[in-house]
Structures are given as C-alpha cells and as structure tokens.
Amino acid sequence: MLLTISTTHTPATDLGYLLVKHPDRVQSFATTGGTAHVFYPEATAERCTAALLLDVDPVELARPSKGRKTPDSFSLGRYVNDRPYAASSLLTVALGKVFRSALKGASRDRADLVDTAIPLEIEVPALPCQGGADVVERLFAPLGWTVAATPVPLDPAFPEWGDSPYVRLRLTGTVRLADALNHLYVLLPVLDDAKHYWVSEDEVDKLLRAGDGWLGGHPERELIARRYLAGRRTLAQSALERLDATDEPLDDTPDAVERIEAAERAKPLVRLRKEAVLAALADTGASRVLDLGCGPGALLLELVADNRYTEIVGADVSSASLALAERRLRFDRMPDRQRARITLIQSALTYHDDRLKGFDAAVLMEVVEHVDEARLPALERAVFGHAAPRAVIVTTPNVEYNVRYESLHGHRHDDHRFEWTRAEFAAWVDRVCAAHGYTAELRPVGADDPEVGSPTQLALFRKAV
C-alpha cells in the first residue's frame, strides 16, 4: 500500500521539514495491522518525493481486536483480501500517526512555509473506488486539484474482462501541504467506503477537525459525511448540523444580540438535546442520577463536570459501549474523589435491577426508540415501576419533523424500531403516568416548527406525592 507526495517547490527538500521526516533516513512506525515506512526515492533541490509505504501483515490484521472489523465473515476472506495492497482506512490511520505534525500544519523549522501553497503531486497506485472514477473527480476537483483517476484493468491480458473496482490516482495542484494531507485523510476512506474499525461519535470530531475550512462548502459534503461515518445516519446528520453551525457566515453589523441569537438557533441538535436534558435535571433538584442506555458516555461527560451530581450511574446493555465510555471519561486519569462519584454497570432496561432503585432522577436520552414496541411495557415496569426514581427524563425523535431533512428516507437511525408523532408520544406519556403514579410535562427540543413541531420531544416525569 503506497502513497507518494512530490513537490517542485524551491528548494524541494523543504518537503522534509514540512513532513518532519528527514530525506536521508528511512523511518519505520508500528501501526494498525503492520508497519509504516517513510523514505524519499528522490530528494534534490529541484524535485523531492516522500513515500509512505504501509506493509500490512494479513495474519496480524485478521486477529480479533477490540474496535476492529474483520474484512470478511468468511474465514478465508479474513486472510485473502485487498487490504495489504489497496489504499483504505488503514492507510489514513498510518497517515495520521506518521505525519501528525504536518496534518496539524506545524513545522518548527519552516513555520513560514506552513501556510504557503506549494506545487504538489500525489499518487496512489491502487485506490478502491465505490462509484468509479467520476466520484474521485467529484470529491477532489472542488478542492483545487487536477484529478487523473485511471481505472485499473481487471487483468491486462484479458481486456474484455473490463476494469477492476480500483483506480490509479494522481492529484496535482498548488495547495498547502496540511490541507492536502487532510483531504487525503478524509477522502481516501470515503472512496473505499469500508472502514476497518467501528465508527463511533468520536469519528464526527475527527471528520470536522480534518475538514476544517473546506468540508462545509464542499458540494458533496453529504456523501462525504455519510461514507466517512460508515453510513450511520445519526452521526452523519450530527456532522452536517455542526458544519452548518460552524460555517454560517458572520454578521458584521453592530447588533451583537441578533448575532448571538442566530448562533443559538444554529446549534446542532445533539447539543440542544443535551442542554434540554441538563436543564430538566436541574429543575428536579436531583443529586443522585441514572443515565439509562448511556452508550459511549456523551451525557456522562456533562454530568461528571457538574458538581451538583454527587452520585452518577451509567447503565447500558452493551459492554463495548461501557468500555468506550470508560475511556472517554478517562477513568485511569480521574482523581479518586471524582472517580468515586461515577459507576458504570451493564444492565438491560427491560429487566428489574435492584441496583437502579432509590435514585433522584433517571435519564433515557434517545433510548426508547431502540426498544421493540412489544418490549416497551417491560421497560416501563422496570424503570417507572421497579426502579421508580423521583423523576424521569425521556427524549425521543419527533417523526413528523423528518420531512425537514431532505436526504432522509425512513427512520433517523437504522436501529430505531419506531419513531413517534407528537400525539403518539403524548399518549404514551399519559399511559405511563396513569400506570405508575407520575405526572409529566412535555417540552420541545430544537426549533419549534409551526407545522411539524420540534425535531426532538422531551417528557419530564415527576413521581406524584
């Protein structure tokens, strides 16, 4: 798996300073599934080429590893595949590790050159391309590159067999090196469309960080977000909403209040949802809180940061999600006093669990829609009947609002078992209150559209005295 970067900038050997890799040495780095080597096939004042060669060990790659997907469920396919030869997310992981400083636009020795566009030529001999050479053009050309994507024949000896799903990519342009590397970091896995690892919420941050300054205005940004985030619709929508908030042009008029209100309206839904839940929690006066269906810990991070919550329990049926939450919370670095406030437990919310009893409040943020409707009565009995916290906060999508998402067809997430209208949600809330002795208040989350309501709906249940 090979990637070369060449320049004719004068002196061309400045490329070594920008990449923070010396042209006179071969350097090797351990990376996912193998070893990355950096060397310079040519290094003169007139032209300099840096090569990143990723030597993938198919046996190592096939070994089970937390967070890594195997290439094929068929046992032989785990060893016989194109991963050692074709550019993929494996190459971008190596790119991020080996050229970390260059990706950030940092160079101690050539700080003056970091922000300068220089002539670059980038080649990838074998790039898997879902959609063919036309997709390569659509992705790179708007960024200022001259694109040559030559289809690789399936077998040169038998031209009648046609082309393989690979192209030989050659990009030429005058671009900042940091920008060029970030283009590759995002778009190579987009073209391959088969990431080798599990895609979580952290990938949204990676995408926006690498896409800073160019992704927001890209004509194919929806395609990029969808593929980069492995088709996970909720994550892609979150990324696009955050791009809209980040890339909205600033108003230079002196009316600061109007600008602030516009920025508030542009907040991504994921942020508005957390804020609404935290506001509802504050209204309950709770100090001991359950985050039920906590997933990888997005809300837990907010709860731990607020000292009013003296005891926090995150519960989820997925041990993998709990492990990710533990890493995100940085348990290993957390002071003992802080660590004593939070507990993570594996628990199914459709079963009675005595560990969940006696808390001031419980949160089910975007959880109920992941449960089969036939199992909802079991969840109601377990949470509202058995655990019976003094307050319960539930958020769920408003399916009526889906018409406002032009690219959305069906549910907002592939794992949603249902999505309720406002009337259906209100009816469910009334039924739970009647069965388990609660009263409830309904609140909109996000802009309240006069025709279809808000994108998310929230219910704050309080135990009747």
Protein backbone atom coordinates (compact mmCIF):
# COMPACT_ATOMS: atom_id res chain seq x y z
CA MET A 1 0.00 0.00 0.00
CA LEU A 2 1.79 3.09 -1.27
CA LEU A 3 1.29 6.86 -1.24
CA THR A 4 3.81 9.34 -2.71
CA ILE A 5 3.94 13.12 -2.28
CA SER A 6 6.18 15.16 -4.60
CA THR A 7 6.95 18.86 -4.96
CA THR A 8 8.97 21.13 -7.23
CA HIS A 9 8.93 23.97 -4.72
CA THR A 10 12.36 25.61 -4.44
CA PRO A 11 14.18 24.16 -2.62
CA ALA A 12 12.14 20.98 -2.96
CA THR A 13 13.82 19.39 0.04
CA ASP A 14 11.78 21.73 2.26
CA LEU A 15 9.22 18.95 1.98
CA GLY A 16 11.24 17.08 4.59
CA TYR A 17 10.86 19.96 7.05
CA LEU A 18 7.09 20.19 6.42
CA LEU A 19 6.61 16.45 6.90
CA VAL A 20 9.08 16.43 9.83
CA LYS A 21 10.82 13.44 8.24
CA HIS A 22 14.47 13.67 7.14
CA PRO A 23 15.13 12.80 3.47
CA ASP A 24 18.39 10.99 4.29
CA ARG A 25 16.79 8.38 6.55
CA VAL A 26 14.28 5.56 6.27
CA GLN A 27 11.93 5.64 9.25
CA SER A 28 9.51 2.93 10.37
CA PHE A 29 6.44 3.11 12.62
CA ALA A 30 4.23 0.38 14.07
CA THR A 31 0.62 0.94 13.07
CA THR A 32 -2.66 -0.94 12.76
CA GLY A 33 -2.07 -4.32 11.18
CA GLY A 34 1.53 -3.73 10.16
CA THR A 35 4.40 -1.27 9.77
CA ALA A 36 4.54 2.11 8.01
CA HIS A 37 7.82 3.12 6.33
CA VAL A 38 8.73 6.65 5.20
CA PHE A 39 11.53 7.18 2.69
CA TYR A 40 12.49 9.54 -0.13
CA PRO A 41 13.02 8.00 -3.62
CA GLU A 42 14.32 11.39 -4.77
CA ALA A 43 15.46 14.43 -2.84
CA THR A 44 17.07 17.25 -4.83
CA ALA A 45 16.67 20.98 -4.77
CA GLU A 46 14.56 20.74 -7.96
CA ARG A 47 12.23 17.86 -7.02
CA CYS A 48 11.58 15.90 -3.84
CA THR A 49 9.34 12.88 -3.32
CA ALA A 50 8.31 11.37 0.01
CA ALA A 51 6.83 7.87 0.02
CA LEU A 52 4.63 6.31 2.69
CA LEU A 53 4.69 2.52 2.33
CA LEU A 54 2.34 0.57 4.56
CA ASP A 55 3.38 -3.05 4.95
CA VAL A 56 0.23 -4.83 6.16
CA ASP A 57 0.50 -8.23 7.83
CA PRO A 58 -2.70 -10.09 6.83
CA VAL A 59 -2.35 -12.53 9.73
CA GLU A 60 -2.00 -9.71 12.26
CA LEU A 61 -4.91 -7.85 10.69
CA ALA A 62 -7.13 -10.93 10.91
CA ARG A 63 -6.58 -11.37 14.64
CA PRO A 64 -9.59 -10.24 16.69
CA SER A 65 -9.09 -6.80 18.19
CA LYS A 66 -11.41 -4.52 20.12
CA GLY A 67 -12.94 -1.95 17.77
CA ARG A 68 -11.61 -3.60 14.59
CA LYS A 69 -13.79 -5.19 11.96
CA THR A 70 -12.55 -8.24 10.07
CA PRO A 71 -12.56 -7.87 6.27
CA ASP A 72 -14.94 -10.75 5.67
CA SER A 73 -17.05 -13.04 7.82
CA PHE A 74 -15.86 -15.97 5.65
CA SER A 75 -12.80 -17.35 7.41
CA LEU A 76 -10.52 -17.43 4.33
CA GLY A 77 -11.60 -13.89 3.44
CA ARG A 78 -10.01 -12.69 6.66
CA TYR A 79 -6.61 -13.57 5.17
CA VAL A 80 -7.15 -13.25 1.42
CA ASN A 81 -8.31 -9.70 0.65
CA ASP A 82 -7.08 -6.42 -0.83
CA ARG A 83 -6.16 -4.73 2.47
CA PRO A 84 -2.36 -5.14 2.10
CA TYR A 85 -2.36 -3.54 -1.37
CA ALA A 86 -5.20 -1.05 -1.81
CA ALA A 87 -5.41 2.34 -0.10
CA SER A 88 -8.03 2.29 2.64
CA SER A 89 -8.73 3.48 6.16
CA LEU A 90 -5.62 1.53 7.19
CA LEU A 91 -3.56 3.98 5.16
CA THR A 92 -5.27 7.01 6.69
CA VAL A 93 -4.60 5.69 10.21
CA ALA A 94 -0.92 5.42 9.25
CA LEU A 95 -1.07 8.87 7.67
CA GLY A 96 -2.45 10.33 10.89
CA LYS A 97 0.23 8.68 13.00
CA VAL A 98 3.28 9.24 10.81
CA PHE A 99 2.51 12.79 9.62
CA ARG A 100 0.69 14.05 12.71
CA SER A 101 2.52 17.37 12.89
CA ALA A 102 2.13 18.02 9.17
CA LEU A 103 -1.63 17.34 9.36
CA LYS A 104 -1.88 19.99 12.08
CA GLY A 105 0.14 22.44 9.98
CA ALA A 106 3.06 22.55 12.42
CA SER A 107 6.74 22.80 11.46
CA ARG A 108 9.39 24.02 13.88
CA ASP A 109 11.97 24.61 11.15
CA ARG A 110 9.78 26.03 8.36
CA ALA A 111 6.97 27.79 10.19
CA ASP A 112 6.94 30.45 7.43
CA LEU A 113 6.19 27.78 4.81
CA VAL A 114 3.36 26.01 6.62
CA ASP A 115 0.72 28.47 5.41
CA THR A 116 2.10 28.66 1.86
CA ALA A 117 0.52 26.80 -1.05
CA ILE A 118 3.22 24.84 -2.87
CA PRO A 119 3.12 22.73 -6.05
CA LEU A 120 2.24 19.17 -5.10
CA GLU A 121 1.81 15.89 -6.93
CA ILE A 122 0.22 12.99 -5.06
CA GLU A 123 -0.05 9.43 -6.35
CA VAL A 124 -1.85 6.37 -5.05
CA PRO A 125 -1.27 3.34 -7.31
CA ALA A 126 -4.28 1.31 -6.15
CA LEU A 127 -7.32 3.02 -4.69
CA PRO A 128 -10.61 1.16 -4.22
CA CYS A 129 -13.33 3.44 -5.50
CA GLN A 130 -17.01 2.84 -4.86
CA GLY A 131 -18.73 4.61 -7.74
CA GLY A 132 -15.83 4.75 -10.15
CA ALA A 133 -13.50 7.48 -11.38
CA ASP A 134 -16.33 10.02 -11.61
CA VAL A 135 -16.69 10.01 -7.82
CA VAL A 136 -12.95 10.74 -7.44
CA GLU A 137 -13.35 13.80 -9.67
CA ARG A 138 -16.41 14.98 -7.73
CA LEU A 139 -14.56 14.74 -4.43
CA PHE A 140 -11.13 16.21 -5.24
CA ALA A 141 -11.74 18.69 -8.08
CA PRO A 142 -13.75 21.19 -5.94
CA LEU A 143 -10.72 21.41 -3.64
CA GLY A 144 -8.49 22.76 -6.42
CA TRP A 145 -6.90 19.53 -7.57
CA THR A 146 -6.36 18.44 -11.15
CA VAL A 147 -7.52 14.83 -11.00
CA ALA A 148 -6.36 11.86 -13.04
CA ALA A 149 -8.16 8.68 -11.95
CA THR A 150 -7.22 5.87 -14.30
CA PRO A 151 -9.21 2.63 -13.95
CA VAL A 152 -7.03 -0.41 -13.29
CA PRO A 153 -7.87 -3.33 -15.65
CA LEU A 154 -9.14 -6.48 -14.01
CA ASP A 155 -6.48 -8.37 -15.98
CA PRO A 156 -4.33 -6.60 -18.64
CA ALA A 157 -4.03 -9.89 -20.50
CA PHE A 158 -7.80 -10.05 -20.90
CA PRO A 159 -9.08 -6.54 -21.68
CA GLU A 160 -12.51 -7.93 -22.47
CA TRP A 161 -12.95 -8.61 -18.76
CA GLY A 162 -13.19 -4.86 -18.19
CA ASP A 163 -11.97 -2.76 -15.30
CA SER A 164 -11.45 -3.65 -11.65
CA PRO A 165 -13.01 -1.57 -8.84
CA TYR A 166 -9.64 0.21 -8.38
CA VAL A 167 -8.17 3.36 -9.88
CA ARG A 168 -4.66 4.77 -10.08
CA LEU A 169 -4.96 8.24 -8.58
CA ARG A 170 -2.81 11.22 -9.47
CA LEU A 171 -3.53 14.64 -8.00
CA THR A 172 -1.70 17.81 -8.99
CA GLY A 173 -2.22 21.28 -7.63
CA THR A 174 -0.81 24.19 -5.68
CA VAL A 175 -2.05 23.55 -2.17
CA ARG A 176 -0.92 23.90 1.44
CA LEU A 177 0.63 20.60 2.47
CA ALA A 178 -1.52 20.42 5.61
CA ASP A 179 -4.66 20.88 3.50
CA ALA A 180 -3.52 18.19 1.07
CA LEU A 181 -2.95 15.69 3.87
CA ASN A 182 -6.32 16.44 5.43
CA HIS A 183 -8.03 15.99 2.06
CA LEU A 184 -6.46 12.54 1.82
CA TYR A 185 -7.21 11.71 5.45
CA VAL A 186 -10.93 12.22 4.87
CA LEU A 187 -11.46 11.26 1.24
CA LEU A 188 -9.43 8.05 0.89
CA PRO A 189 -11.71 6.12 3.29
CA VAL A 190 -14.72 7.84 1.71
CA LEU A 191 -13.76 6.37 -1.67
CA ASP A 192 -13.05 2.94 -0.20
CA ASP A 193 -16.29 3.09 1.85
CA ALA A 194 -15.23 0.15 4.05
CA LYS A 195 -13.61 1.30 7.31
CA HIS A 196 -11.75 -1.41 9.16
CA TYR A 197 -12.84 -0.24 12.62
CA TRP A 198 -16.07 0.55 14.47
CA VAL A 199 -17.30 4.09 13.85
CA SER A 200 -18.45 5.92 17.00
CA GLU A 201 -19.33 9.51 17.92
CA ASP A 202 -15.61 10.34 18.15
CA GLU A 203 -15.40 9.98 14.36
CA VAL A 204 -17.62 13.06 13.95
CA ASP A 205 -15.00 15.13 15.77
CA LYS A 206 -12.24 13.64 13.58
CA LEU A 207 -14.18 14.46 10.42
CA LEU A 208 -14.85 18.06 11.42
CA ARG A 209 -11.28 18.57 12.59
CA ALA A 210 -9.79 17.28 9.34
CA GLY A 211 -12.46 19.03 7.25
CA ASP A 212 -11.99 22.41 8.91
CA GLY A 213 -12.02 25.17 6.30
CA TRP A 214 -13.08 23.06 3.30
CA LEU A 215 -15.72 20.46 4.10
CA GLY A 216 -18.52 22.90 4.94
CA GLY A 217 -18.58 24.34 1.43
CA HIS A 218 -17.93 21.09 -0.45
CA PRO A 219 -20.74 20.24 -2.93
CA GLU A 220 -20.51 16.55 -1.95
CA ARG A 221 -20.38 17.07 1.80
CA GLU A 222 -23.43 14.86 2.44
CA LEU A 223 -21.83 11.96 0.55
CA ILE A 224 -18.56 12.55 2.41
CA ALA A 225 -20.22 12.62 5.83
CA ARG A 226 -22.33 9.55 5.12
CA ARG A 227 -19.46 7.40 3.85
CA TYR A 228 -16.84 8.63 6.31
CA LEU A 229 -19.21 7.77 9.15
CA ALA A 230 -19.91 4.30 7.72
CA GLY A 231 -23.49 5.04 6.77
CA ARG A 232 -24.54 5.80 10.36
CA ARG A 233 -27.30 8.25 9.64
CA THR A 234 -27.49 9.81 13.10
CA LEU A 235 -23.75 10.56 13.15
CA ALA A 236 -23.83 11.95 9.60
CA GLN A 237 -26.75 14.22 10.47
CA SER A 238 -24.92 15.42 13.58
CA ALA A 239 -21.82 16.20 11.50
CA LEU A 240 -23.84 18.16 8.93
CA GLU A 241 -25.66 20.12 11.62
CA ARG A 242 -22.36 21.03 13.27
CA LEU A 243 -20.95 22.07 9.89
CA ASP A 244 -23.93 24.36 9.38
CA ALA A 245 -23.31 25.93 12.76
CA THR A 246 -19.57 26.34 12.16
CA ASP A 247 -19.75 27.59 8.59
CA GLU A 248 -22.58 30.10 8.95
CA PRO A 249 -21.16 33.48 7.80
CA LEU A 250 -20.60 36.06 10.48
CA ASP A 251 -22.75 39.17 10.51
CA ASP A 252 -20.52 42.23 10.80
CA THR A 253 -23.32 44.59 11.88
CA PRO A 254 -23.08 46.04 15.39
CA ASP A 255 -26.23 44.23 16.54
CA ALA A 256 -24.48 41.70 18.81
CA VAL A 257 -27.74 40.41 20.32
CA GLU A 258 -29.03 39.35 16.91
CA ARG A 259 -25.78 37.54 16.14
CA ILE A 260 -25.88 35.65 19.43
CA GLU A 261 -29.48 34.59 18.86
CA ALA A 262 -28.61 33.41 15.35
CA ALA A 263 -25.73 31.35 16.75
CA GLU A 264 -28.06 29.80 19.33
CA ARG A 265 -30.51 28.82 16.59
CA ALA A 266 -27.65 27.23 14.66
CA LYS A 267 -26.62 24.90 17.49
CA PRO A 268 -26.57 21.26 16.40
CA LEU A 269 -29.45 19.15 17.65
CA VAL A 270 -27.18 16.83 19.64
CA ARG A 271 -26.01 19.83 21.70
CA LEU A 272 -29.53 21.23 22.12
CA ARG A 273 -30.76 17.85 23.29
CA LYS A 274 -28.07 17.60 25.97
CA GLU A 275 -28.80 21.14 27.13
CA ALA A 276 -32.52 20.39 27.37
CA VAL A 277 -31.87 17.23 29.40
CA LEU A 278 -29.45 19.03 31.73
CA ALA A 279 -31.96 21.86 32.22
CA ALA A 280 -34.71 19.38 33.07
CA LEU A 281 -32.38 17.59 35.50
CA ALA A 282 -31.56 20.90 37.19
CA ASP A 283 -35.30 21.56 37.58
CA THR A 284 -35.70 18.31 39.53
CA GLY A 285 -33.05 19.26 42.09
CA ALA A 286 -31.55 15.77 41.74
CA SER A 287 -28.13 14.88 43.12
CA ARG A 288 -28.14 11.10 42.51
CA VAL A 289 -28.69 10.41 38.80
CA LEU A 290 -29.05 7.41 36.48
CA ASP A 291 -28.12 7.65 32.79
CA LEU A 292 -30.01 4.65 31.39
CA GLY A 293 -28.81 3.47 27.99
CA CYS A 294 -25.77 5.68 28.45
CA GLY A 295 -23.98 4.35 25.34
CA PRO A 296 -20.42 5.65 24.96
CA GLY A 297 -20.90 8.32 27.64
CA ALA A 298 -21.86 11.55 25.85
CA LEU A 299 -24.16 12.69 28.66
CA LEU A 300 -21.97 11.23 31.41
CA LEU A 301 -19.20 13.66 30.46
CA GLU A 302 -21.58 16.55 31.15
CA LEU A 303 -22.82 15.08 34.42
CA VAL A 304 -19.33 14.46 35.79
CA ALA A 305 -18.41 18.08 35.02
CA ASP A 306 -21.25 19.33 37.28
CA ASN A 307 -20.54 19.01 41.00
CA ARG A 308 -24.21 19.12 41.93
CA TYR A 309 -24.40 15.44 40.96
CA THR A 310 -22.87 13.52 43.83
CA GLU A 311 -23.63 10.03 42.52
CA ILE A 312 -23.84 9.12 38.82
CA VAL A 313 -24.58 5.69 37.40
CA GLY A 314 -24.31 4.93 33.70
CA ALA A 315 -26.11 1.75 32.62
CA ASP A 316 -26.08 0.06 29.23
CA VAL A 317 -26.65 -3.44 27.88
CA SER A 318 -23.54 -3.17 25.67
CA SER A 319 -20.21 -3.93 27.36
CA ALA A 320 -18.40 -2.41 24.35
CA SER A 321 -20.25 0.90 24.84
CA LEU A 322 -19.40 0.89 28.54
CA ALA A 323 -15.73 0.26 27.76
CA LEU A 324 -15.77 3.22 25.36
CA ALA A 325 -17.48 5.38 27.99
CA GLU A 326 -14.77 4.45 30.48
CA ARG A 327 -12.07 5.53 28.02
CA ARG A 328 -13.87 8.78 27.16
CA LEU A 329 -14.25 9.60 30.84
CA ARG A 330 -10.55 8.79 31.32
CA PHE A 331 -11.06 6.71 34.43
CA ASP A 332 -7.34 5.97 34.54
CA ARG A 333 -6.54 9.68 34.96
CA MET A 334 -9.53 10.73 37.06
CA PRO A 335 -8.78 11.81 40.65
CA ASP A 336 -10.04 9.35 43.27
CA ARG A 337 -12.61 11.79 44.60
CA GLN A 338 -14.12 12.29 41.17
CA ARG A 339 -13.88 8.61 40.34
CA ALA A 340 -15.91 7.74 43.44
CA ARG A 341 -18.88 9.74 42.08
CA ILE A 342 -19.44 7.59 38.99
CA THR A 343 -20.22 3.93 38.37
CA LEU A 344 -20.74 2.08 35.08
CA ILE A 345 -22.89 -1.05 35.12
CA GLN A 346 -24.14 -3.48 32.49
CA SER A 347 -27.91 -3.76 32.70
CA ALA A 348 -30.85 -4.47 30.39
CA LEU A 349 -33.59 -1.87 30.89
CA THR A 350 -36.37 -4.37 30.27
CA TYR A 351 -35.44 -6.36 33.42
CA HIS A 352 -35.76 -5.47 37.10
CA ASP A 353 -32.40 -4.43 38.54
CA ASP A 354 -32.21 -3.55 42.23
CA ARG A 355 -29.02 -1.54 41.62
CA LEU A 356 -31.16 1.10 39.87
CA LYS A 357 -33.54 1.68 42.78
CA GLY A 358 -33.64 4.74 45.04
CA PHE A 359 -32.24 7.46 42.74
CA ASP A 360 -33.42 11.05 42.49
CA ALA A 361 -33.65 11.05 38.70
CA ALA A 362 -33.14 8.87 35.66
CA VAL A 363 -32.48 9.89 32.04
CA LEU A 364 -33.43 7.91 28.93
CA MET A 365 -31.97 10.13 26.22
CA GLU A 366 -32.81 8.75 22.74
CA VAL A 367 -33.27 5.25 24.17
CA VAL A 368 -36.92 4.17 23.96
CA GLU A 369 -37.00 4.19 20.14
CA HIS A 370 -34.29 1.49 20.14
CA VAL A 371 -36.60 -0.91 22.00
CA ASP A 372 -39.14 -3.08 20.19
CA GLU A 373 -42.58 -1.63 20.87
CA ALA A 374 -43.70 -5.02 22.18
CA ARG A 375 -40.96 -4.74 24.85
CA LEU A 376 -41.85 -1.21 25.94
CA PRO A 377 -44.23 -2.37 28.72
CA ALA A 378 -41.32 -4.34 30.22
CA LEU A 379 -39.13 -1.20 30.12
CA GLU A 380 -41.93 0.83 31.73
CA ARG A 381 -42.31 -1.69 34.56
CA ALA A 382 -38.54 -1.91 35.12
CA VAL A 383 -37.87 1.84 35.12
CA PHE A 384 -41.06 3.52 36.34
CA GLY A 385 -42.38 0.64 38.44
CA HIS A 386 -39.36 -1.16 39.94
CA ALA A 387 -36.54 1.44 39.94
CA ALA A 388 -39.11 4.24 40.49
CA PRO A 389 -36.84 7.32 40.64
CA ARG A 390 -38.43 10.57 41.80
CA ALA A 391 -38.05 12.00 38.29
CA VAL A 392 -37.54 10.52 34.82
CA ILE A 393 -36.49 12.43 31.69
CA VAL A 394 -37.20 10.86 28.31
CA THR A 395 -36.26 12.23 24.88
CA THR A 396 -37.15 10.70 21.53
CA PRO A 397 -37.31 11.89 17.89
CA ASN A 398 -40.45 13.54 16.56
CA VAL A 399 -41.15 11.63 13.33
CA GLU A 400 -43.26 14.50 11.98
CA TYR A 401 -40.11 16.63 11.76
CA ASN A 402 -38.37 14.14 9.44
CA VAL A 403 -39.84 15.84 6.37
CA ARG A 404 -37.50 18.76 7.08
CA TYR A 405 -34.47 16.52 6.37
CA GLU A 406 -34.35 16.40 2.58
CA SER A 407 -31.95 13.45 2.35
CA LEU A 408 -33.71 11.34 4.99
CA HIS A 409 -35.81 8.40 3.94
CA GLY A 410 -37.26 6.28 6.72
CA HIS A 411 -36.09 6.47 10.34
CA ARG A 412 -33.25 8.71 11.52
CA HIS A 413 -31.19 5.68 12.57
CA ASP A 414 -31.13 2.16 11.19
CA ASP A 415 -31.54 0.75 14.70
CA HIS A 416 -34.72 2.70 15.51
CA ARG A 417 -37.64 0.30 15.98
CA PHE A 418 -40.16 3.14 15.72
CA GLU A 419 -40.43 6.93 15.81
CA TRP A 420 -43.45 8.63 17.34
CA THR A 421 -45.56 11.59 16.31
CA ARG A 422 -46.22 14.20 18.97
CA ALA A 423 -49.68 12.73 19.62
CA GLU A 424 -48.29 9.20 19.95
CA PHE A 425 -45.61 10.35 22.38
CA ALA A 426 -48.16 12.26 24.46
CA ALA A 427 -50.42 9.21 24.59
CA TRP A 428 -47.53 7.02 25.77
CA VAL A 429 -46.61 9.57 28.45
CA ASP A 430 -50.20 9.67 29.71
CA ARG A 431 -50.34 5.89 29.86
CA VAL A 432 -47.09 5.66 31.86
CA CYS A 433 -48.26 8.34 34.29
CA ALA A 434 -51.58 6.56 34.90
CA ALA A 435 -49.93 3.17 35.39
CA HIS A 436 -47.07 4.21 37.68
CA GLY A 437 -48.16 7.30 39.59
CA TYR A 438 -46.28 10.09 37.80
CA THR A 439 -47.22 13.47 36.40
CA ALA A 440 -45.46 14.77 33.30
CA GLU A 441 -44.57 17.91 31.39
CA LEU A 442 -43.82 17.86 27.65
CA ARG A 443 -41.12 20.15 26.25
CA PRO A 444 -39.89 20.75 22.67
CA VAL A 445 -36.17 20.39 21.90
CA GLY A 446 -34.85 22.43 18.98
CA ALA A 447 -36.66 24.92 16.78
CA ASP A 448 -40.43 24.51 17.18
CA ASP A 449 -41.73 24.40 13.61
CA PRO A 450 -45.36 25.64 13.48
CA GLU A 451 -46.33 22.81 11.12
CA VAL A 452 -44.38 19.76 12.30
CA GLY A 453 -43.14 20.67 15.78
CA SER A 454 -39.60 20.34 17.14
CA PRO A 455 -37.08 17.73 15.94
CA THR A 456 -36.90 16.10 19.40
CA GLN A 457 -39.55 15.79 22.09
CA LEU A 458 -38.88 15.60 25.82
CA ALA A 459 -41.02 14.46 28.73
CA LEU A 460 -40.18 15.30 32.35
CA PHE A 461 -41.91 12.81 34.65
CA ARG A 462 -42.24 13.52 38.37
CA LYS A 463 -43.39 10.99 40.97
CA ALA A 464 -46.77 12.02 42.32
CA VAL A 465 -46.67 12.81 46.04
